[in-house]
PDB file of N, CA and C in Angstrom:
ATOM      1  N   UNK A   1      55.531  41.016-107.665  1.00  0.00           N
ATOM      2  CA  UNK A   1      55.169  39.934-107.087  1.00  0.00           C
ATOM      3  C   UNK A   1      54.528  40.453-106.034  1.00  0.00           C
ATOM      4  N   UNK A   2      53.445  39.500-105.576  1.00  0.00           N
ATOM      5  CA  UNK A   2      52.640  40.056-104.577  1.00  0.00           C
ATOM      6  C   UNK A   2      53.658  39.314-102.806  1.00  0.00           C
ATOM      7  N   UNK A   3      52.953  39.989-102.075  1.00  0.00           N
ATOM      8  CA  UNK A   3      53.562  39.922-100.476  1.00  0.00           C
ATOM      9  C   UNK A   3      53.718  38.242-100.439  1.00  0.00           C
ATOM     10  N   UNK A   4      52.221  37.311-100.642  1.00  0.00           N
ATOM     11  CA  UNK A   4      52.172  36.232-100.224  1.00  0.00           C
ATOM     12  C   UNK A   4      53.332  35.579-100.966  1.00  0.00           C
ATOM     13  N   UNK A   5      53.076  35.790-102.378  1.00  0.00           N
ATOM     14  CA  UNK A   5      54.254  35.151-103.378  1.00  0.00           C
ATOM     15  C   UNK A   5      55.607  35.007-103.053  1.00  0.00           C
ATOM     16  N   UNK A   6      56.190  36.390-102.309  1.00  0.00           N
ATOM     17  CA  UNK A   6      57.530  36.924-102.175  1.00  0.00           C
ATOM     18  C   UNK A   6      57.409  35.769-100.963  1.00  0.00           C
ATOM     19  N   UNK A   7      56.758  35.865 -99.579  1.00  0.00           N
ATOM     20  CA  UNK A   7      57.296  35.339 -98.772  1.00  0.00           C
ATOM     21  C   UNK A   7      57.170  33.725 -98.819  1.00  0.00           C
ATOM     22  N   UNK A   8      56.655  33.244 -99.741  1.00  0.00           N
ATOM     23  CA  UNK A   8      56.624  32.083 -99.978  1.00  0.00           C
ATOM     24  C   UNK A   8      58.030  31.678-100.871  1.00  0.00           C
ATOM     25  N   UNK A   9      58.436  32.333-101.671  1.00  0.00           N
ATOM     26  CA  UNK A   9      59.491  32.160-101.849  1.00  0.00           C
ATOM     27  C   UNK A   9      60.935  32.213-100.672  1.00  0.00           C
ATOM     28  N   UNK A  10      60.721  33.586 -99.689  1.00  0.00           N
ATOM     29  CA  UNK A  10      61.653  33.378 -98.804  1.00  0.00           C
ATOM     30  C   UNK A  10      61.484  32.117 -98.122  1.00  0.00           C
ATOM     31  N   UNK A  11      60.312  31.668 -97.847  1.00  0.00           N
ATOM     32  CA  UNK A  11      60.228  30.641 -96.932  1.00  0.00           C
ATOM     33  C   UNK A  11      60.877  29.191 -97.653  1.00  0.00           C
ATOM     34  N   UNK A  12      60.970  29.011 -99.076  1.00  0.00           N
ATOM     35  CA  UNK A  12      61.804  28.082 -99.949  1.00  0.00           C
ATOM     36  C   UNK A  12      62.999  27.930 -99.456  1.00  0.00           C
ATOM     37  N   UNK A  13      63.279  29.245 -99.421  1.00  0.00           N
ATOM     38  CA  UNK A  13      65.185  29.603 -99.590  1.00  0.00           C
ATOM     39  C   UNK A  13      65.365  29.218 -97.856  1.00  0.00           C
ATOM     40  N   UNK A  14      64.828  28.984 -96.997  1.00  0.00           N
ATOM     41  CA  UNK A  14      65.130  28.628 -95.780  1.00  0.00           C
ATOM     42  C   UNK A  14      64.296  27.748 -94.961  1.00  0.00           C
ATOM     43  N   UNK A  15      64.291  26.564 -95.422  1.00  0.00           N
ATOM     44  CA  UNK A  15      63.471  25.498 -94.941  1.00  0.00           C
ATOM     45  C   UNK A  15      63.761  24.856 -93.755  1.00  0.00           C
ATOM     46  N   UNK A  16      62.921  24.388 -92.618  1.00  0.00           N
ATOM     47  CA  UNK A  16      63.436  24.112 -91.481  1.00  0.00           C
ATOM     48  C   UNK A  16      64.066  22.777 -91.751  1.00  0.00           C
ATOM     49  N   UNK A  17      64.711  21.981 -90.680  1.00  0.00           N
ATOM     50  CA  UNK A  17      65.102  20.389 -91.178  1.00  0.00           C
ATOM     51  C   UNK A  17      64.089  19.645 -91.672  1.00  0.00           C
ATOM     52  N   UNK A  18      62.858  19.333 -90.829  1.00  0.00           N
ATOM     53  CA  UNK A  18      61.951  18.481 -91.315  1.00  0.00           C
ATOM     54  C   UNK A  18      61.294  19.212 -92.769  1.00  0.00           C
ATOM     55  N   UNK A  19      61.068  20.483 -93.195  1.00  0.00           N
ATOM     56  CA  UNK A  19      60.562  20.280 -94.336  1.00  0.00           C
ATOM     57  C   UNK A  19      61.814  19.989 -95.483  1.00  0.00           C
ATOM     58  N   UNK A  20      63.375  20.137 -95.358  1.00  0.00           N
ATOM     59  CA  UNK A  20      64.163  19.646 -96.036  1.00  0.00           C
ATOM     60  C   UNK A  20      64.366  17.987 -96.290  1.00  0.00           C
ATOM     61  N   UNK A  21      63.797  17.568 -95.001  1.00  0.00           N
ATOM     62  CA  UNK A  21      64.012  15.901 -95.063  1.00  0.00           C
ATOM     63  C   UNK A  21      62.618  15.557 -95.810  1.00  0.00           C
ATOM     64  N   UNK A  22      61.957  16.056 -95.780  1.00  0.00           N
ATOM     65  CA  UNK A  22      60.709  15.632 -96.467  1.00  0.00           C
ATOM     66  C   UNK A  22      60.471  16.157 -97.788  1.00  0.00           C
ATOM     67  N   UNK A  23      61.257  16.989 -98.103  1.00  0.00           N
ATOM     68  CA  UNK A  23      61.285  17.712 -99.507  1.00  0.00           C
ATOM     69  C   UNK A  23      62.065  16.526-100.396  1.00  0.00           C
ATOM     70  N   UNK A  24      63.314  16.016 -99.697  1.00  0.00           N
ATOM     71  CA  UNK A  24      63.989  15.275-100.473  1.00  0.00           C
ATOM     72  C   UNK A  24      63.270  14.152-100.904  1.00  0.00           C
ATOM     73  N   UNK A  25      62.322  13.906 -99.873  1.00  0.00           N
ATOM     74  CA  UNK A  25      61.524  12.818-100.784  1.00  0.00           C
ATOM     75  C   UNK A  25      60.498  12.791-101.177  1.00  0.00           C
ATOM     76  N   UNK A  26      59.972  13.772-101.161  1.00  0.00           N
ATOM     77  CA  UNK A  26      58.634  14.416-102.193  1.00  0.00           C
ATOM     78  C   UNK A  26      58.988  14.733-103.394  1.00  0.00           C
ATOM     79  N   UNK A  27      60.021  15.505-103.829  1.00  0.00           N
ATOM     80  CA  UNK A  27      60.626  16.471-104.859  1.00  0.00           C
ATOM     81  C   UNK A  27      60.795  15.297-106.167  1.00  0.00           C
ATOM     82  N   UNK A  28      60.234  15.754-107.254  1.00  0.00           N
ATOM     83  CA  UNK A  28      60.587  14.641-108.527  1.00  0.00           C
ATOM     84  C   UNK A  28      59.551  13.645-108.735  1.00  0.00           C
ATOM     85  N   UNK A  29      58.780  14.213-108.132  1.00  0.00           N
ATOM     86  CA  UNK A  29      57.473  12.925-108.249  1.00  0.00           C
ATOM     87  C   UNK A  29      58.111  11.596-107.645  1.00  0.00           C
ATOM     88  N   UNK A  30      58.564  11.526-106.459  1.00  0.00           N
ATOM     89  CA  UNK A  30      59.357  10.555-106.001  1.00  0.00           C
ATOM     90  C   UNK A  30      58.417   9.465-105.168  1.00  0.00           C
ATOM     91  N   UNK A  31      56.880  10.262-104.789  1.00  0.00           N
ATOM     92  CA  UNK A  31      56.361   9.517-104.037  1.00  0.00           C
ATOM     93  C   UNK A  31      54.955   9.499-104.903  1.00  0.00           C
ATOM     94  N   UNK A  32      54.830   7.876-105.385  1.00  0.00           N
ATOM     95  CA  UNK A  32      53.722   7.777-106.071  1.00  0.00           C
ATOM     96  C   UNK A  32      53.432   8.033-107.302  1.00  0.00           C
ATOM     97  N   UNK A  33      54.595   9.045-107.777  1.00  0.00           N
ATOM     98  CA  UNK A  33      54.587   9.795-108.856  1.00  0.00           C
ATOM     99  C   UNK A  33      53.673  11.203-109.229  1.00  0.00           C
ATOM    100  N   UNK A  34      53.437  11.270-107.755  1.00  0.00           N
ATOM    101  CA  UNK A  34      52.787  12.545-107.569  1.00  0.00           C
ATOM    102  C   UNK A  34      53.710  13.879-107.479  1.00  0.00           C
ATOM    103  N   UNK A  35      53.243  14.697-108.238  1.00  0.00           N
ATOM    104  CA  UNK A  35      53.952  16.310-108.294  1.00  0.00           C
ATOM    105  C   UNK A  35      53.812  16.818-107.161  1.00  0.00           C
ATOM    106  N   UNK A  36      54.651  17.041-106.270  1.00  0.00           N
ATOM    107  CA  UNK A  36      54.385  17.983-104.991  1.00  0.00           C
ATOM    108  C   UNK A  36      55.138  19.374-105.107  1.00  0.00           C
ATOM    109  N   UNK A  37      54.227  20.604-104.653  1.00  0.00           N
ATOM    110  CA  UNK A  37      55.176  21.650-104.775  1.00  0.00           C
ATOM    111  C   UNK A  37      55.329  21.918-103.173  1.00  0.00           C
ATOM    112  N   UNK A  38      56.702  22.885-103.213  1.00  0.00           N
ATOM    113  CA  UNK A  38      56.873  23.773-101.357  1.00  0.00           C
ATOM    114  C   UNK A  38      56.420  24.873-101.625  1.00  0.00           C
ATOM    115  N   UNK A  39      55.702  25.437-100.176  1.00  0.00           N
ATOM    116  CA  UNK A  39      55.658  26.938 -99.938  1.00  0.00           C
ATOM    117  C   UNK A  39      54.617  27.298-100.944  1.00  0.00           C
ATOM    118  N   UNK A  40      53.172  26.682-101.054  1.00  0.00           N
ATOM    119  CA  UNK A  40      52.634  27.203-102.262  1.00  0.00           C
ATOM    120  C   UNK A  40      51.694  27.910-101.702  1.00  0.00           C
ATOM    121  N   UNK A  41      51.337  29.072-102.215  1.00  0.00           N
ATOM    122  CA  UNK A  41      50.262  30.016-102.057  1.00  0.00           C
ATOM    123  C   UNK A  41      48.815  29.434-102.308  1.00  0.00           C
ATOM    124  N   UNK A  42      47.784  29.463-101.363  1.00  0.00           N
ATOM    125  CA  UNK A  42      46.783  28.809-101.467  1.00  0.00           C
ATOM    126  C   UNK A  42      45.724  29.141-100.456  1.00  0.00           C
ATOM    127  N   UNK A  43      44.467  29.927-101.319  1.00  0.00           N
ATOM    128  CA  UNK A  43      43.646  30.415-100.196  1.00  0.00           C
ATOM    129  C   UNK A  43      44.052  31.246 -99.089  1.00  0.00           C
ATOM    130  N   UNK A  44      45.144  32.379 -99.529  1.00  0.00           N
ATOM    131  CA  UNK A  44      45.203  33.109 -98.616  1.00  0.00           C
ATOM    132  C   UNK A  44      46.315  32.764 -97.790  1.00  0.00           C
ATOM    133  N   UNK A  45      46.938  31.432 -97.722  1.00  0.00           N
ATOM    134  CA  UNK A  45      47.837  30.672 -96.741  1.00  0.00           C
ATOM    135  C   UNK A  45      49.071  30.236 -97.821  1.00  0.00           C
ATOM    136  N   UNK A  46      50.422  29.801 -97.142  1.00  0.00           N
ATOM    137  CA  UNK A  46      51.245  29.286 -97.716  1.00  0.00           C
ATOM    138  C   UNK A  46      51.490  28.034 -97.043  1.00  0.00           C
ATOM    139  N   UNK A  47      50.881  26.669 -97.899  1.00  0.00           N
ATOM    140  CA  UNK A  47      50.693  25.475 -97.714  1.00  0.00           C
ATOM    141  C   UNK A  47      52.302  25.224 -98.074  1.00  0.00           C
ATOM    142  N   UNK A  48      52.951  24.274 -96.798  1.00  0.00           N
ATOM    143  CA  UNK A  48      54.119  23.645 -96.478  1.00  0.00           C
ATOM    144  C   UNK A  48      54.308  22.833 -98.027  1.00  0.00           C
ATOM    145  N   UNK A  49      53.613  22.158 -98.384  1.00  0.00           N
ATOM    146  CA  UNK A  49      53.342  21.334 -99.593  1.00  0.00           C
ATOM    147  C   UNK A  49      52.169  21.009 -99.730  1.00  0.00           C
ATOM    148  N   UNK A  50      52.009  21.131-101.230  1.00  0.00           N
ATOM    149  CA  UNK A  50      50.834  20.617-101.906  1.00  0.00           C
ATOM    150  C   UNK A  50      51.176  19.896-102.939  1.00  0.00           C
ATOM    151  N   UNK A  51      50.035  18.570-103.172  1.00  0.00           N
ATOM    152  CA  UNK A  51      50.024  18.057-104.331  1.00  0.00           C
ATOM    153  C   UNK A  51      48.603  18.514-104.946  1.00  0.00           C
ATOM    154  N   UNK A  52      48.920  19.077-106.083  1.00  0.00           N
ATOM    155  CA  UNK A  52      47.512  20.151-106.341  1.00  0.00           C
ATOM    156  C   UNK A  52      46.545  19.193-107.419  1.00  0.00           C
ATOM    157  N   UNK A  53      47.246  18.197-108.042  1.00  0.00           N
ATOM    158  CA  UNK A  53      46.327  17.089-108.506  1.00  0.00           C
ATOM    159  C   UNK A  53      45.787  16.430-107.980  1.00  0.00           C
ATOM    160  N   UNK A  54      46.172  16.135-106.628  1.00  0.00           N
ATOM    161  CA  UNK A  54      45.705  14.927-105.697  1.00  0.00           C
ATOM    162  C   UNK A  54      44.756  15.945-104.667  1.00  0.00           C
ATOM    163  N   UNK A  55      44.831  17.026-104.592  1.00  0.00           N
ATOM    164  CA  UNK A  55      44.267  18.373-103.637  1.00  0.00           C
ATOM    165  C   UNK A  55      44.366  18.130-102.270  1.00  0.00           C
ATOM    166  N   UNK A  56      46.053  17.760-102.011  1.00  0.00           N
ATOM    167  CA  UNK A  56      46.414  17.372-101.037  1.00  0.00           C
ATOM    168  C   UNK A  56      47.405  18.302-100.350  1.00  0.00           C
ATOM    169  N   UNK A  57      47.258  18.633 -99.495  1.00  0.00           N
ATOM    170  CA  UNK A  57      48.209  19.719 -98.741  1.00  0.00           C
ATOM    171  C   UNK A  57      48.650  19.008 -97.276  1.00  0.00           C
ATOM    172  N   UNK A  58      50.336  19.006 -97.334  1.00  0.00           N
ATOM    173  CA  UNK A  58      50.780  18.344 -95.854  1.00  0.00           C
ATOM    174  C   UNK A  58      51.449  19.655 -95.399  1.00  0.00           C
ATOM    175  N   UNK A  59      51.136  19.988 -94.145  1.00  0.00           N
ATOM    176  CA  UNK A  59      51.416  21.086 -93.480  1.00  0.00           C
ATOM    177  C   UNK A  59      52.444  20.572 -92.277  1.00  0.00           C
ATOM    178  N   UNK A  60      53.378  20.898 -91.790  1.00  0.00           N
ATOM    179  CA  UNK A  60      54.514  20.474 -90.644  1.00  0.00           C
ATOM    180  C   UNK A  60      54.448  21.307 -89.973  1.00  0.00           C
ATOM    181  N   UNK A  61      54.100  20.965 -88.514  1.00  0.00           N
ATOM    182  CA  UNK A  61      54.150  21.556 -87.264  1.00  0.00           C
ATOM    183  C   UNK A  61      55.129  21.209 -86.415  1.00  0.00           C
ATOM    184  N   UNK A  62      55.499  22.650 -85.840  1.00  0.00           N
ATOM    185  CA  UNK A  62      56.503  22.228 -84.933  1.00  0.00           C
ATOM    186  C   UNK A  62      55.869  22.775 -83.538  1.00  0.00           C
ATOM    187  N   UNK A  63      56.746  23.083 -82.444  1.00  0.00           N
ATOM    188  CA  UNK A  63      56.041  23.763 -80.981  1.00  0.00           C
ATOM    189  C   UNK A  63      55.518  24.423 -81.030  1.00  0.00           C
ATOM    190  N   UNK A  64      55.203  25.477 -81.773  1.00  0.00           N
ATOM    191  CA  UNK A  64      54.705  26.376 -81.624  1.00  0.00           C
ATOM    192  C   UNK A  64      53.323  26.219 -82.131  1.00  0.00           C
ATOM    193  N   UNK A  65      52.787  25.320 -82.683  1.00  0.00           N
ATOM    194  CA  UNK A  65      51.397  24.896 -83.338  1.00  0.00           C
ATOM    195  C   UNK A  65      50.545  24.340 -82.236  1.00  0.00           C
ATOM    196  N   UNK A  66      51.249  23.805 -81.257  1.00  0.00           N
ATOM    197  CA  UNK A  66      50.533  23.318 -80.015  1.00  0.00           C
ATOM    198  C   UNK A  66      49.566  24.570 -79.174  1.00  0.00           C
ATOM    199  N   UNK A  67      50.039  25.660 -79.290  1.00  0.00           N
ATOM    200  CA  UNK A  67      49.501  26.782 -78.706  1.00  0.00           C
ATOM    201  C   UNK A  67      48.376  27.542 -79.700  1.00  0.00           C
ATOM    202  N   UNK A  68      48.562  26.952 -81.273  1.00  0.00           N
ATOM    203  CA  UNK A  68      47.947  27.525 -81.966  1.00  0.00           C
ATOM    204  C   UNK A  68      46.655  26.706 -82.598  1.00  0.00           C
ATOM    205  N   UNK A  69      46.158  26.262 -81.832  1.00  0.00           N
ATOM    206  CA  UNK A  69      45.434  25.275 -82.502  1.00  0.00           C
ATOM    207  C   UNK A  69      43.824  25.649 -83.227  1.00  0.00           C
ATOM    208  N   UNK A  70      43.413  26.816 -82.362  1.00  0.00           N
ATOM    209  CA  UNK A  70      42.110  27.461 -83.053  1.00  0.00           C
ATOM    210  C   UNK A  70      43.127  28.407 -84.510  1.00  0.00           C
ATOM    211  N   UNK A  71      43.912  28.637 -84.802  1.00  0.00           N
ATOM    212  CA  UNK A  71      44.300  29.593 -85.726  1.00  0.00           C
ATOM    213  C   UNK A  71      44.553  28.119 -87.080  1.00  0.00           C
ATOM    214  N   UNK A  72      45.413  26.774 -86.428  1.00  0.00           N
ATOM    215  CA  UNK A  72      45.448  25.873 -87.761  1.00  0.00           C
ATOM    216  C   UNK A  72      43.931  25.516 -87.926  1.00  0.00           C
ATOM    217  N   UNK A  73      43.057  25.311 -87.221  1.00  0.00           N
ATOM    218  CA  UNK A  73      41.668  24.805 -87.255  1.00  0.00           C
ATOM    219  C   UNK A  73      41.149  25.955 -88.465  1.00  0.00           C
ATOM    220  N   UNK A  74      41.203  27.075 -88.286  1.00  0.00           N
ATOM    221  CA  UNK A  74      40.972  28.071 -89.083  1.00  0.00           C
ATOM    222  C   UNK A  74      41.157  27.877 -90.624  1.00  0.00           C
ATOM    223  N   UNK A  75      42.837  27.743 -90.517  1.00  0.00           N
ATOM    224  CA  UNK A  75      43.460  27.514 -91.680  1.00  0.00           C
ATOM    225  C   UNK A  75      43.174  26.663 -92.358  1.00  0.00           C
ATOM    226  N   UNK A  76      43.052  25.227 -91.782  1.00  0.00           N
ATOM    227  CA  UNK A  76      42.250  23.922 -92.505  1.00  0.00           C
ATOM    228  C   UNK A  76      41.166  24.111 -92.895  1.00  0.00           C
ATOM    229  N   UNK A  77      40.021  24.873 -92.190  1.00  0.00           N
ATOM    230  CA  UNK A  77      38.900  25.055 -92.701  1.00  0.00           C
ATOM    231  C   UNK A  77      38.973  25.831 -93.981  1.00  0.00           C
ATOM    232  N   UNK A  78      39.771  26.822 -94.352  1.00  0.00           N
ATOM    233  CA  UNK A  78      39.690  27.504 -95.543  1.00  0.00           C
ATOM    234  C   UNK A  78      40.525  26.968 -96.519  1.00  0.00           C
ATOM    235  N   UNK A  79      41.553  25.907 -96.470  1.00  0.00           N
ATOM    236  CA  UNK A  79      42.109  25.294 -97.394  1.00  0.00           C
ATOM    237  C   UNK A  79      40.769  24.017 -97.683  1.00  0.00           C
ATOM    238  N   UNK A  80      40.359  23.622 -96.938  1.00  0.00           N
ATOM    239  CA  UNK A  80      39.136  22.912 -97.359  1.00  0.00           C
ATOM    240  C   UNK A  80      38.240  23.030 -97.753  1.00  0.00           C
ATOM    241  N   UNK A  81      37.876  24.581 -97.755  1.00  0.00           N
ATOM    242  CA  UNK A  81      36.745  25.240 -98.330  1.00  0.00           C
ATOM    243  C   UNK A  81      37.567  25.460 -99.923  1.00  0.00           C
ATOM    244  N   UNK A  82      38.630  25.603-100.252  1.00  0.00           N
ATOM    245  CA  UNK A  82      39.331  25.650-101.500  1.00  0.00           C
ATOM    246  C   UNK A  82      39.367  24.594-102.274  1.00  0.00           C
ATOM    247  N   UNK A  83      38.937  23.286-101.166  1.00  0.00           N
ATOM    248  CA  UNK A  83      38.882  21.903-102.127  1.00  0.00           C
ATOM    249  C   UNK A  83      40.484  20.980-101.744  1.00  0.00           C
ATOM    250  N   UNK A  84      41.038  21.150-100.938  1.00  0.00           N
ATOM    251  CA  UNK A  84      42.195  20.604-100.323  1.00  0.00           C
ATOM    252  C   UNK A  84      41.351  19.741 -99.208  1.00  0.00           C
ATOM    253  N   UNK A  85      42.538  18.593 -99.067  1.00  0.00           N
ATOM    254  CA  UNK A  85      42.532  18.001 -97.612  1.00  0.00           C
ATOM    255  C   UNK A  85      44.003  18.102 -97.115  1.00  0.00           C
ATOM    256  N   UNK A  86      43.761  18.559 -95.671  1.00  0.00           N
ATOM    257  CA  UNK A  86      45.027  18.904 -95.413  1.00  0.00           C
ATOM    258  C   UNK A  86      45.160  17.677 -94.237  1.00  0.00           C
ATOM    259  N   UNK A  87      46.661  17.735 -94.248  1.00  0.00           N
ATOM    260  CA  UNK A  87      46.992  16.452 -93.592  1.00  0.00           C
ATOM    261  C   UNK A  87      48.361  17.076 -92.764  1.00  0.00           C
ATOM    262  N   UNK A  88      48.323  17.019 -91.418  1.00  0.00           N
ATOM    263  CA  UNK A  88      49.312  17.598 -90.677  1.00  0.00           C
ATOM    264  C   UNK A  88      50.279  16.452 -89.810  1.00  0.00           C
ATOM    265  N   UNK A  89      51.499  16.665 -89.857  1.00  0.00           N
ATOM    266  CA  UNK A  89      52.408  16.020 -89.154  1.00  0.00           C
ATOM    267  C   UNK A  89      53.363  17.023 -88.049  1.00  0.00           C
ATOM    268  N   UNK A  90      53.716  16.117 -87.024  1.00  0.00           N
ATOM    269  CA  UNK A  90      54.832  17.271 -86.173  1.00  0.00           C
ATOM    270  C   UNK A  90      56.197  16.905 -86.873  1.00  0.00           C
ATOM    271  N   UNK A  91      56.881  18.206 -86.740  1.00  0.00           N
ATOM    272  CA  UNK A  91      58.237  17.659 -87.165  1.00  0.00           C
ATOM    273  C   UNK A  91      59.171  16.794 -86.639  1.00  0.00           C
ATOM    274  N   UNK A  92      59.199  16.433 -85.281  1.00  0.00           N
ATOM    275  CA  UNK A  92      59.567  15.268 -84.812  1.00  0.00           C
ATOM    276  C   UNK A  92      59.074  14.227 -85.749  1.00  0.00           C
ATOM    277  N   UNK A  93      58.219  13.854 -85.926  1.00  0.00           N
ATOM    278  CA  UNK A  93      57.668  12.489 -86.775  1.00  0.00           C
ATOM    279  C   UNK A  93      57.986  12.550 -88.223  1.00  0.00           C
ATOM    280  N   UNK A  94      58.511  13.837 -88.618  1.00  0.00           N
ATOM    281  CA  UNK A  94      59.203  13.749 -90.261  1.00  0.00           C
ATOM    282  C   UNK A  94      60.473  13.445 -89.689  1.00  0.00           C
ATOM    283  N   UNK A  95      61.327  14.099 -88.734  1.00  0.00           N
ATOM    284  CA  UNK A  95      62.873  13.867 -88.724  1.00  0.00           C
ATOM    285  C   UNK A  95      63.075  12.274 -88.105  1.00  0.00           C
ATOM    286  N   UNK A  96      62.284  11.975 -87.448  1.00  0.00           N
ATOM    287  CA  UNK A  96      62.696  10.636 -86.261  1.00  0.00           C
ATOM    288  C   UNK A  96      61.562   9.342 -87.192  1.00  0.00           C
ATOM    289  N   UNK A  97      60.733   9.702 -88.039  1.00  0.00           N
ATOM    290  CA  UNK A  97      60.020   8.786 -88.480  1.00  0.00           C
ATOM    291  C   UNK A  97      59.491   8.918 -89.912  1.00  0.00           C
ATOM    292  N   UNK A  98      60.412   9.451 -90.838  1.00  0.00           N
ATOM    293  CA  UNK A  98      60.258   9.553 -92.289  1.00  0.00           C
ATOM    294  C   UNK A  98      59.377   8.386 -92.768  1.00  0.00           C
ATOM    295  N   UNK A  99      59.995   7.536 -92.971  1.00  0.00           N
ATOM    296  CA  UNK A  99      59.501   6.263 -93.692  1.00  0.00           C
ATOM    297  C   UNK A  99      58.053   6.065 -93.321  1.00  0.00           C
ATOM    298  N   UNK A 100      57.665   6.453 -91.730  1.00  0.00           N
ATOM    299  CA  UNK A 100      56.042   6.215 -91.733  1.00  0.00           C
ATOM    300  C   UNK A 100      55.257   7.130 -92.141  1.00  0.00           C
ATOM    301  N   UNK A 101      56.055   8.252 -91.844  1.00  0.00           N
ATOM    302  CA  UNK A 101      55.202   9.846 -92.637  1.00  0.00           C
ATOM    303  C   UNK A 101      54.748   9.667 -94.218  1.00  0.00           C
ATOM    304  N   UNK A 102      55.878   8.992 -94.823  1.00  0.00           N
ATOM    305  CA  UNK A 102      55.563   8.651 -96.074  1.00  0.00           C
ATOM    306  C   UNK A 102      54.693   7.541 -96.132  1.00  0.00           C
ATOM    307  N   UNK A 103      54.463   6.621 -95.956  1.00  0.00           N
ATOM    308  CA  UNK A 103      53.734   5.555 -95.504  1.00  0.00           C
ATOM    309  C   UNK A 103      52.152   6.151 -95.519  1.00  0.00           C
ATOM    310  N   UNK A 104      52.095   7.043 -94.740  1.00  0.00           N
ATOM    311  CA  UNK A 104      50.568   7.517 -94.325  1.00  0.00           C
ATOM    312  C   UNK A 104      50.104   8.402 -95.292  1.00  0.00           C
ATOM    313  N   UNK A 105      51.264   8.934 -96.059  1.00  0.00           N
ATOM    314  CA  UNK A 105      51.095  10.085 -97.320  1.00  0.00           C
ATOM    315  C   UNK A 105      50.610   8.929 -98.565  1.00  0.00           C
ATOM    316  N   UNK A 106      51.306   7.953 -98.482  1.00  0.00           N
ATOM    317  CA  UNK A 106      50.650   6.993 -99.629  1.00  0.00           C
ATOM    318  C   UNK A 106      49.466   6.484 -99.274  1.00  0.00           C
ATOM    319  N   UNK A 107      48.605   6.409 -98.276  1.00  0.00           N
ATOM    320  CA  UNK A 107      47.830   5.788 -98.223  1.00  0.00           C
ATOM    321  C   UNK A 107      46.596   6.786 -98.171  1.00  0.00           C
ATOM    322  N   UNK A 108      46.966   8.250 -97.538  1.00  0.00           N
ATOM    323  CA  UNK A 108      45.742   9.340 -97.968  1.00  0.00           C
ATOM    324  C   UNK A 108      45.826   9.731 -99.676  1.00  0.00           C
ATOM    325  N   UNK A 109      46.976   9.459-100.516  1.00  0.00           N
ATOM    326  CA  UNK A 109      47.179   9.827-101.414  1.00  0.00           C
ATOM    327  C   UNK A 109      46.107   8.752-102.323  1.00  0.00           C
ATOM    328  N   UNK A 110      45.789   7.482-101.838  1.00  0.00           N
ATOM    329  CA  UNK A 110      45.126   6.331-102.064  1.00  0.00           C
ATOM    330  C   UNK A 110      43.786   6.705-101.838  1.00  0.00           C
ATOM    331  N   UNK A 111      43.410   7.522-101.363  1.00  0.00           N
ATOM    332  CA  UNK A 111      41.774   7.464-100.622  1.00  0.00           C
ATOM    333  C   UNK A 111      41.268   8.748-101.990  1.00  0.00           C
ATOM    334  N   UNK A 112      40.092   8.620-101.865  1.00  0.00           N
ATOM    335  CA  UNK A 112      39.074   9.233-102.921  1.00  0.00           C
ATOM    336  C   UNK A 112      39.089  10.362-102.125  1.00  0.00           C
ATOM    337  N   UNK A 113      38.817  11.563-102.926  1.00  0.00           N
ATOM    338  CA  UNK A 113      38.650  12.898-102.334  1.00  0.00           C
ATOM    339  C   UNK A 113      37.219  12.957-101.521  1.00  0.00           C
TER     340      UNK A 113
END
């Protein structure tokens, strides 16, 4: 198994609180019948959540991402170049406004690529 896949497996086994909360609402095609995968390797990165058929990636950002804006922009550009749309939410949004995050995801899933 390559290093990226091994790291993805490790991340799946130790989710953050926000990742766990969102995964409970995305797994099993609960959101509009769309299949999501978690910690999916794409374009040399590990996407927090990905809906391959919808070509949508969901990234959850903690406080450390405020200082990593340039790195996140490069990551988003690489994922866009791989044919994915990227949407980002702060961890606190997922934890405190889960339904609003899910409603926003539904709107984004309905948008054409």
